[in-house]
């Protein structure tokens, strides 16, 4: 988390309330109708917290209506939260339920006004510890200057020579900035060298690499159909043995798209076994998008396993000590990029917003 003063403009609430009762013609026998619904709404910048109480409620439902998403939160304790990604006035429906078909509800509207940091990066999110038991910090980049350090270099081109996945962007060494305490990667819709999009692919190849340890990356990642951001690693020997014999560790990938896609990240490893083997799992937010705020994407990697975490919550683990997985027992370098299109996400469509940005607050390697 950067030491900077941020001015947050939080709007007042516009509450348009009405109590509505909904009951089917054939309710559950002996069911007692909920009553005395009380709704409290609090706002912290773009995060809206709803608290409900009622008599005779078996559970509660809160419905957040976002621009391109409708999120249902069912809760037993009457507490629900949602983070809106952009300014606007949004409807929130709060229900006290005797059953799914028997409830009373109140409808409110909340006006969200977000004051961004100078770089446009989100103002909130998870922050990991500066230290971890049993580890020492061996390398980090906090992006506190105005230029990249000498630990970084670029891939240039489309990857058509073998390192791409039929993507649509042309990687340049211009689609990034360093400032306000962040690295910002930018994917643009623009014609360049016969491609319709440009982006940046940064790497530490030939400059910095690591074998084992814990890696934490605090980042806010882009979203939208056809957008494919990644924080990942390849084995140092890729130039001599090629892929997948070099091994690959994907700390984070997101395949953008409305709804579940924009709130799901993937952690995967690849190696050469019977040609190509891979193992992965995914982690999804309950609501919102990973672009809404910062999250910390981590791996814990030793001689026996790789573990994947989001905000210090483990969601994936792979045992790597079998002899046929020795690709994952060597030095790896880091890569950061935003791909556009490609084999996995497909092409952008009319819903995709450009430019798209990945903000990286810090990268820390512990061993």
Protein backbone atom coordinates (compact mmCIF):
# COMPACT_ATOMS: atom_id res chain seq x y z
CA UNK A 1 0.00 0.00 0.00
CA UNK A 2 1.51 3.29 -1.03
CA UNK A 3 1.96 6.11 1.47
CA UNK A 4 -0.12 8.74 -0.22
CA UNK A 5 -3.00 11.00 0.72
CA UNK A 6 -6.10 10.29 -1.33
CA UNK A 7 -9.17 12.51 -1.27
CA UNK A 8 -12.34 10.44 -1.45
CA UNK A 9 -15.60 12.05 -2.48
CA UNK A 10 -18.43 9.99 -1.08
CA UNK A 11 -21.91 10.84 -2.22
CA UNK A 12 -24.85 11.11 0.04
CA UNK A 13 -27.58 8.52 -0.32
CA UNK A 14 -30.73 9.07 -2.30
CA UNK A 15 -33.18 6.72 -0.67
CA UNK A 16 -36.42 5.94 -2.47
CA UNK A 17 -38.18 3.52 -0.22
CA UNK A 18 -41.33 1.48 -0.46
CA UNK A 19 -42.41 -1.57 1.46
CA UNK A 20 -43.75 -4.37 -0.69
CA UNK A 21 -45.13 -7.73 0.35
CA UNK A 22 -45.04 -10.73 -1.97
CA UNK A 23 -46.91 -13.94 -1.10
CA UNK A 24 -47.94 -16.77 -3.38
CA UNK A 25 -51.55 -18.00 -3.49
CA UNK A 26 -50.48 -21.23 -1.81
CA UNK A 27 -47.97 -20.29 0.89
CA UNK A 28 -46.18 -22.79 3.07
CA UNK A 29 -48.69 -24.02 5.69
CA UNK A 30 -48.37 -22.30 9.05
CA UNK A 31 -45.66 -19.97 7.71
CA UNK A 32 -45.46 -16.69 9.64
CA UNK A 33 -45.12 -13.60 7.50
CA UNK A 34 -42.02 -11.45 8.12
CA UNK A 35 -42.71 -7.97 9.47
CA UNK A 36 -40.98 -4.84 10.70
CA UNK A 37 -38.24 -4.86 8.05
CA UNK A 38 -35.47 -2.38 8.84
CA UNK A 39 -32.81 -1.56 6.24
CA UNK A 40 -29.56 0.29 6.99
CA UNK A 41 -27.25 1.24 4.11
CA UNK A 42 -23.69 2.46 4.60
CA UNK A 43 -21.23 3.46 1.89
CA UNK A 44 -17.41 3.50 1.96
CA UNK A 45 -16.41 5.09 -1.35
CA UNK A 46 -17.81 2.59 -3.90
CA UNK A 47 -18.50 -0.27 -1.45
CA UNK A 48 -22.10 -0.43 -0.26
CA UNK A 49 -22.91 -2.34 2.94
CA UNK A 50 -26.51 -3.35 3.70
CA UNK A 51 -27.78 -4.48 7.11
CA UNK A 52 -31.27 -5.97 7.53
CA UNK A 53 -33.40 -6.93 10.49
CA UNK A 54 -36.99 -8.18 10.60
CA UNK A 55 -39.36 -10.21 12.72
CA UNK A 56 -40.03 -13.81 11.67
CA UNK A 57 -37.42 -13.80 8.88
CA UNK A 58 -35.81 -17.15 8.11
CA UNK A 59 -33.21 -15.50 5.87
CA UNK A 60 -32.58 -12.32 3.89
CA UNK A 61 -31.90 -11.51 0.23
CA UNK A 62 -30.22 -8.39 -1.12
CA UNK A 63 -30.22 -7.68 -4.87
CA UNK A 64 -27.66 -5.22 -6.24
CA UNK A 65 -28.45 -3.89 -9.73
CA UNK A 66 -25.18 -2.91 -11.44
CA UNK A 67 -24.81 -1.52 -14.97
CA UNK A 68 -24.13 -4.90 -16.59
CA UNK A 69 -24.77 -7.31 -13.75
CA UNK A 70 -27.43 -8.27 -11.21
CA UNK A 71 -26.03 -9.83 -8.04
CA UNK A 72 -28.19 -11.77 -5.56
CA UNK A 73 -26.79 -12.16 -2.04
CA UNK A 74 -28.64 -14.57 0.27
CA UNK A 75 -27.66 -14.17 3.91
CA UNK A 76 -28.75 -15.58 7.24
CA UNK A 77 -27.40 -12.70 9.33
CA UNK A 78 -28.81 -9.85 7.26
CA UNK A 79 -25.39 -8.51 6.17
CA UNK A 80 -24.45 -8.01 2.50
CA UNK A 81 -21.86 -5.94 0.63
CA UNK A 82 -21.15 -5.02 -2.98
CA UNK A 83 -18.48 -2.88 -4.65
CA UNK A 84 -19.55 -0.81 -7.65
CA UNK A 85 -16.89 -0.18 -10.30
CA UNK A 86 -18.08 3.18 -11.61
CA UNK A 87 -20.05 6.28 -10.73
CA UNK A 88 -23.82 6.16 -10.99
CA UNK A 89 -27.14 5.69 -9.20
CA UNK A 90 -27.99 2.06 -8.51
CA UNK A 91 -31.07 0.20 -7.26
CA UNK A 92 -30.85 -2.10 -4.25
CA UNK A 93 -33.71 -4.44 -3.26
CA UNK A 94 -33.65 -5.76 0.32
CA UNK A 95 -35.89 -8.67 1.35
CA UNK A 96 -36.82 -10.44 4.56
CA UNK A 97 -37.81 -13.98 3.60
CA UNK A 98 -40.03 -16.53 5.28
CA UNK A 99 -39.31 -18.61 2.15
CA UNK A 100 -38.13 -17.84 -1.36
CA UNK A 101 -41.73 -17.13 -2.37
CA UNK A 102 -42.91 -15.38 0.81
CA UNK A 103 -41.14 -12.14 1.67
CA UNK A 104 -41.39 -8.42 2.26
CA UNK A 105 -39.01 -6.03 0.58
CA UNK A 106 -37.77 -2.45 0.52
CA UNK A 107 -36.36 -0.73 -2.58
CA UNK A 108 -33.62 1.89 -2.25
CA UNK A 109 -31.30 3.79 -4.55
CA UNK A 110 -27.72 4.73 -3.77
CA UNK A 111 -25.58 7.24 -5.62
CA UNK A 112 -21.91 6.30 -5.96
CA UNK A 113 -19.27 8.97 -6.60
CA UNK A 114 -15.66 7.80 -6.68
CA UNK A 115 -12.63 10.04 -6.57
CA UNK A 116 -9.79 8.09 -8.18
CA UNK A 117 -6.09 8.35 -7.44
CA UNK A 118 -4.20 10.47 -9.98
CA UNK A 119 -3.32 7.33 -11.97
CA UNK A 120 -6.91 6.09 -12.13
CA UNK A 121 -6.08 3.05 -10.01
CA UNK A 122 -8.67 1.81 -7.48
CA UNK A 123 -8.47 3.33 -4.03
CA UNK A 124 -9.21 0.20 -2.02
CA UNK A 125 -8.39 -3.48 -1.79
CA UNK A 126 -6.43 -6.16 0.01
CA UNK A 127 -2.83 -5.66 1.15
CA UNK A 128 -0.48 -8.51 2.10
CA UNK A 129 2.09 -8.52 4.88
CA UNK A 130 5.59 -7.14 4.41
CA UNK A 131 6.94 -10.32 5.98
CA UNK A 132 6.02 -13.99 6.23
CA UNK A 133 7.19 -16.44 8.94
CA UNK A 134 10.15 -18.49 7.78
CA UNK A 135 10.87 -16.28 4.74
CA UNK A 136 13.15 -13.36 3.93
CA UNK A 137 12.37 -10.73 1.31
CA UNK A 138 14.94 -11.31 -1.46
CA UNK A 139 13.60 -9.03 -4.22
CA UNK A 140 10.78 -6.57 -4.73
CA UNK A 141 9.58 -3.82 -7.02
CA UNK A 142 7.33 -1.25 -5.37
CA UNK A 143 7.13 0.94 -8.52
CA UNK A 144 7.79 4.10 -6.51
CA UNK A 145 9.76 5.88 -9.22
CA UNK A 146 8.84 7.25 -12.64
CA UNK A 147 10.63 4.60 -14.76
CA UNK A 148 11.02 0.85 -14.81
CA UNK A 149 14.13 -0.51 -13.12
CA UNK A 150 16.81 -2.40 -15.06
CA UNK A 151 15.24 -5.69 -13.91
CA UNK A 152 12.63 -5.51 -16.69
CA UNK A 153 12.61 -5.98 -20.45
CA UNK A 154 9.92 -6.44 -23.15
CA UNK A 155 8.57 -8.92 -25.63
CA UNK A 156 7.86 -7.08 -28.89
CA UNK A 157 5.51 -8.27 -31.62
CA UNK A 158 2.52 -10.60 -31.92
CA UNK A 159 4.09 -13.85 -30.76
CA UNK A 160 3.45 -15.43 -34.14
CA UNK A 161 6.95 -16.93 -34.01
CA UNK A 162 5.82 -19.31 -31.28
CA UNK A 163 5.31 -17.46 -28.00
CA UNK A 164 1.75 -16.25 -28.66
CA UNK A 165 -1.67 -17.90 -28.64
CA UNK A 166 -3.23 -16.44 -31.80
CA UNK A 167 -3.83 -13.16 -29.96
CA UNK A 168 -4.90 -9.93 -31.63
CA UNK A 169 -2.58 -7.37 -30.02
CA UNK A 170 0.85 -6.11 -31.01
CA UNK A 171 3.10 -5.88 -27.95
CA UNK A 172 5.11 -2.65 -27.78
CA UNK A 173 7.47 -1.10 -25.25
CA UNK A 174 5.23 1.99 -25.04
CA UNK A 175 1.93 0.75 -23.53
CA UNK A 176 2.84 1.32 -19.90
CA UNK A 177 3.55 4.03 -17.34
CA UNK A 178 5.20 4.10 -13.93
CA UNK A 179 3.96 6.78 -11.53
CA UNK A 180 1.94 7.53 -8.41
CA UNK A 181 3.36 4.34 -6.91
CA UNK A 182 2.01 1.99 -9.60
CA UNK A 183 3.01 0.20 -12.77
CA UNK A 184 0.21 0.61 -15.31
CA UNK A 185 -0.06 -1.69 -18.34
CA UNK A 186 -2.44 -0.47 -21.06
CA UNK A 187 -4.26 -2.39 -23.81
CA UNK A 188 -5.59 -0.08 -26.55
CA UNK A 189 -7.83 -0.48 -29.57
CA UNK A 190 -5.66 1.03 -32.29
CA UNK A 191 -4.14 -0.10 -35.58
CA UNK A 192 -0.42 -0.85 -35.34
CA UNK A 193 1.68 -3.06 -37.62
CA UNK A 194 -1.46 -4.62 -39.13
CA UNK A 195 -2.93 -5.46 -35.71
CA UNK A 196 -6.08 -3.79 -34.34
CA UNK A 197 -4.87 -3.62 -30.73
CA UNK A 198 -1.68 -2.78 -28.82
CA UNK A 199 -0.52 -3.81 -25.37
CA UNK A 200 2.64 -4.52 -23.33
CA UNK A 201 4.32 -7.72 -22.18
CA UNK A 202 6.95 -7.13 -19.48
CA UNK A 203 9.37 -9.79 -18.24
CA UNK A 204 12.49 -10.33 -16.11
CA UNK A 205 13.96 -12.92 -18.48
CA UNK A 206 17.76 -12.92 -18.39
CA UNK A 207 17.72 -10.40 -15.55
CA UNK A 208 15.96 -11.89 -12.51
CA UNK A 209 14.73 -15.41 -11.78
CA UNK A 210 13.93 -17.54 -8.77
CA UNK A 211 13.62 -21.16 -7.66
CA UNK A 212 11.12 -21.70 -4.85
CA UNK A 213 9.73 -19.18 -2.38
CA UNK A 214 6.62 -17.09 -1.93
CA UNK A 215 5.64 -14.47 -4.51
CA UNK A 216 3.02 -11.80 -3.76
CA UNK A 217 1.69 -9.50 -6.49
CA UNK A 218 -0.80 -6.77 -5.54
CA UNK A 219 -2.70 -5.80 -8.66
CA UNK A 220 -5.99 -4.52 -10.03
CA UNK A 221 -6.66 -6.35 -13.27
CA UNK A 222 -8.70 -5.45 -16.37
CA UNK A 223 -12.03 -6.89 -17.48
CA UNK A 224 -14.26 -7.46 -20.50
CA UNK A 225 -14.89 -9.94 -23.28
CA UNK A 226 -11.66 -10.91 -25.07
CA UNK A 227 -9.38 -9.41 -22.38
CA UNK A 228 -6.75 -11.82 -21.01
CA UNK A 229 -4.47 -10.38 -18.28
CA UNK A 230 -1.82 -12.64 -16.77
CA UNK A 231 0.85 -12.66 -14.04
CA UNK A 232 2.97 -15.72 -14.70
CA UNK A 233 6.37 -17.42 -14.95
CA UNK A 234 8.43 -19.46 -17.41
CA UNK A 235 11.54 -21.56 -16.91
CA UNK A 236 14.88 -19.94 -17.69
CA UNK A 237 15.72 -22.70 -20.17
CA UNK A 238 12.84 -21.91 -22.56
CA UNK A 239 15.25 -20.76 -25.26
CA UNK A 240 17.00 -24.17 -25.28
CA UNK A 241 14.20 -26.67 -24.60
CA UNK A 242 11.10 -24.68 -25.71
CA UNK A 243 7.63 -24.91 -24.17
CA UNK A 244 6.24 -26.87 -22.30
CA UNK A 245 9.56 -28.56 -21.45
CA UNK A 246 10.62 -25.32 -19.74
CA UNK A 247 7.59 -25.43 -17.43
CA UNK A 248 5.07 -22.67 -16.76
CA UNK A 249 3.52 -21.36 -13.53
CA UNK A 250 0.51 -19.07 -13.96
CA UNK A 251 0.15 -17.06 -10.75
CA UNK A 252 -3.00 -15.41 -12.11
CA UNK A 253 -4.95 -15.40 -15.36
CA UNK A 254 -8.38 -13.91 -16.01
CA UNK A 255 -10.56 -14.54 -19.05
CA UNK A 256 -12.73 -11.45 -19.19
CA UNK A 257 -16.46 -11.30 -19.78
CA UNK A 258 -19.62 -10.12 -18.05
CA UNK A 259 -20.67 -11.86 -14.84
CA UNK A 260 -18.66 -14.81 -13.57
CA UNK A 261 -15.70 -14.39 -15.95
CA UNK A 262 -14.79 -10.92 -14.69
CA UNK A 263 -14.80 -12.15 -11.11
CA UNK A 264 -12.87 -15.41 -11.64
CA UNK A 265 -9.11 -15.95 -11.77
CA UNK A 266 -7.18 -19.12 -12.61
CA UNK A 267 -3.96 -20.58 -11.18
CA UNK A 268 -2.30 -23.24 -13.34
CA UNK A 269 0.97 -25.10 -13.94
CA UNK A 270 2.13 -26.63 -17.26
CA UNK A 271 4.86 -29.18 -17.90
CA UNK A 272 5.96 -31.73 -20.49
CA UNK A 273 4.47 -35.16 -19.82
CA UNK A 274 3.06 -37.18 -22.74
CA UNK A 275 3.53 -34.03 -24.77
CA UNK A 276 1.79 -31.50 -22.53
CA UNK A 277 0.27 -31.76 -19.05
CA UNK A 278 -1.41 -29.10 -16.96
CA UNK A 279 -3.18 -28.71 -13.63
CA UNK A 280 -5.19 -25.75 -12.39
CA UNK A 281 -8.09 -24.42 -10.39
CA UNK A 282 -10.03 -21.17 -10.17
CA UNK A 283 -11.16 -18.66 -7.54
CA UNK A 284 -14.28 -16.51 -7.89
CA UNK A 285 -15.45 -13.44 -6.01
CA UNK A 286 -19.00 -13.53 -4.65
CA UNK A 287 -19.81 -10.31 -6.47
CA UNK A 288 -18.28 -7.47 -8.43
CA UNK A 289 -15.18 -7.74 -10.61
CA UNK A 290 -11.49 -8.21 -9.91
CA UNK A 291 -11.07 -4.82 -11.60
CA UNK A 292 -13.02 -3.09 -8.81
CA UNK A 293 -10.17 -3.04 -6.31
CA UNK A 294 -6.70 -4.39 -5.59
CA UNK A 295 -6.16 -8.06 -4.75
CA UNK A 296 -3.00 -9.96 -3.87
CA UNK A 297 -2.20 -12.96 -6.07
CA UNK A 298 0.35 -15.35 -4.58
CA UNK A 299 2.12 -18.66 -4.96
CA UNK A 300 3.97 -20.61 -2.26
CA UNK A 301 6.45 -22.87 -4.06
CA UNK A 302 8.88 -25.42 -2.67
CA UNK A 303 10.45 -28.73 -3.70
CA UNK A 304 7.24 -30.66 -3.10
CA UNK A 305 4.34 -28.40 -4.09
CA UNK A 306 2.97 -25.18 -5.50
CA UNK A 307 0.08 -23.48 -3.70
CA UNK A 308 -2.02 -20.67 -5.19
CA UNK A 309 -3.68 -17.95 -3.07
CA UNK A 310 -5.89 -14.90 -3.52
CA UNK A 311 -5.80 -12.41 -0.62
CA UNK A 312 -4.02 -15.05 1.50
CA UNK A 313 -6.78 -17.63 0.89
CA UNK A 314 -5.44 -20.84 -0.70
CA UNK A 315 -7.56 -22.25 -3.54
CA UNK A 316 -5.24 -24.61 -5.41
CA UNK A 317 -2.32 -26.97 -4.71
CA UNK A 318 -0.17 -29.20 -6.95
CA UNK A 319 2.37 -31.82 -5.84
CA UNK A 320 5.47 -31.39 -8.02
CA UNK A 321 8.06 -33.87 -6.70
CA UNK A 322 7.43 -36.75 -9.19
CA UNK A 323 10.41 -37.14 -11.53
CA UNK A 324 8.32 -36.35 -14.63
CA UNK A 325 7.61 -32.87 -13.22
CA UNK A 326 11.23 -31.77 -12.82
CA UNK A 327 10.48 -28.80 -15.13
CA UNK A 328 8.96 -27.17 -12.05
CA UNK A 329 12.15 -27.60 -10.01
CA UNK A 330 14.27 -24.89 -11.67
CA UNK A 331 14.62 -21.12 -11.92
CA UNK A 332 11.70 -19.17 -13.41
CA UNK A 333 11.37 -15.56 -14.55
CA UNK A 334 8.30 -13.29 -14.23
CA UNK A 335 5.96 -12.03 -16.97
CA UNK A 336 3.18 -9.41 -16.77
CA UNK A 337 0.90 -8.79 -19.75
CA UNK A 338 -2.57 -7.97 -21.06
CA UNK A 339 -3.44 -10.09 -24.09
CA UNK A 340 -6.37 -9.22 -26.36
CA UNK A 341 -8.20 -12.14 -27.95
CA UNK A 342 -6.52 -15.49 -28.45
CA UNK A 343 -7.31 -19.18 -28.17
CA UNK A 344 -8.83 -19.05 -24.71
CA UNK A 345 -10.85 -15.79 -24.40
CA UNK A 346 -11.90 -15.32 -28.02
CA UNK A 347 -12.19 -11.86 -29.54
CA UNK A 348 -13.54 -8.66 -27.96
CA UNK A 349 -17.10 -7.70 -28.82
CA UNK A 350 -19.30 -4.62 -28.64
CA UNK A 351 -19.40 -4.81 -24.83
CA UNK A 352 -15.60 -4.57 -24.44
CA UNK A 353 -14.37 -1.20 -23.22
CA UNK A 354 -10.98 0.20 -24.26
CA UNK A 355 -8.45 1.11 -23.10
CA UNK A 356 -8.06 -1.61 -20.47
CA UNK A 357 -5.50 -1.27 -17.68
CA UNK A 358 -3.65 -3.48 -15.22
CA UNK A 359 -2.34 -1.63 -12.16
CA UNK A 360 0.46 -3.30 -10.20
CA UNK A 361 1.18 -1.89 -6.74
CA UNK A 362 4.06 -4.21 -5.84
CA UNK A 363 5.76 -7.54 -6.53
CA UNK A 364 7.59 -9.21 -3.62
CA UNK A 365 9.64 -12.41 -3.67
CA UNK A 366 10.37 -14.17 -0.37
CA UNK A 367 12.66 -17.16 0.14
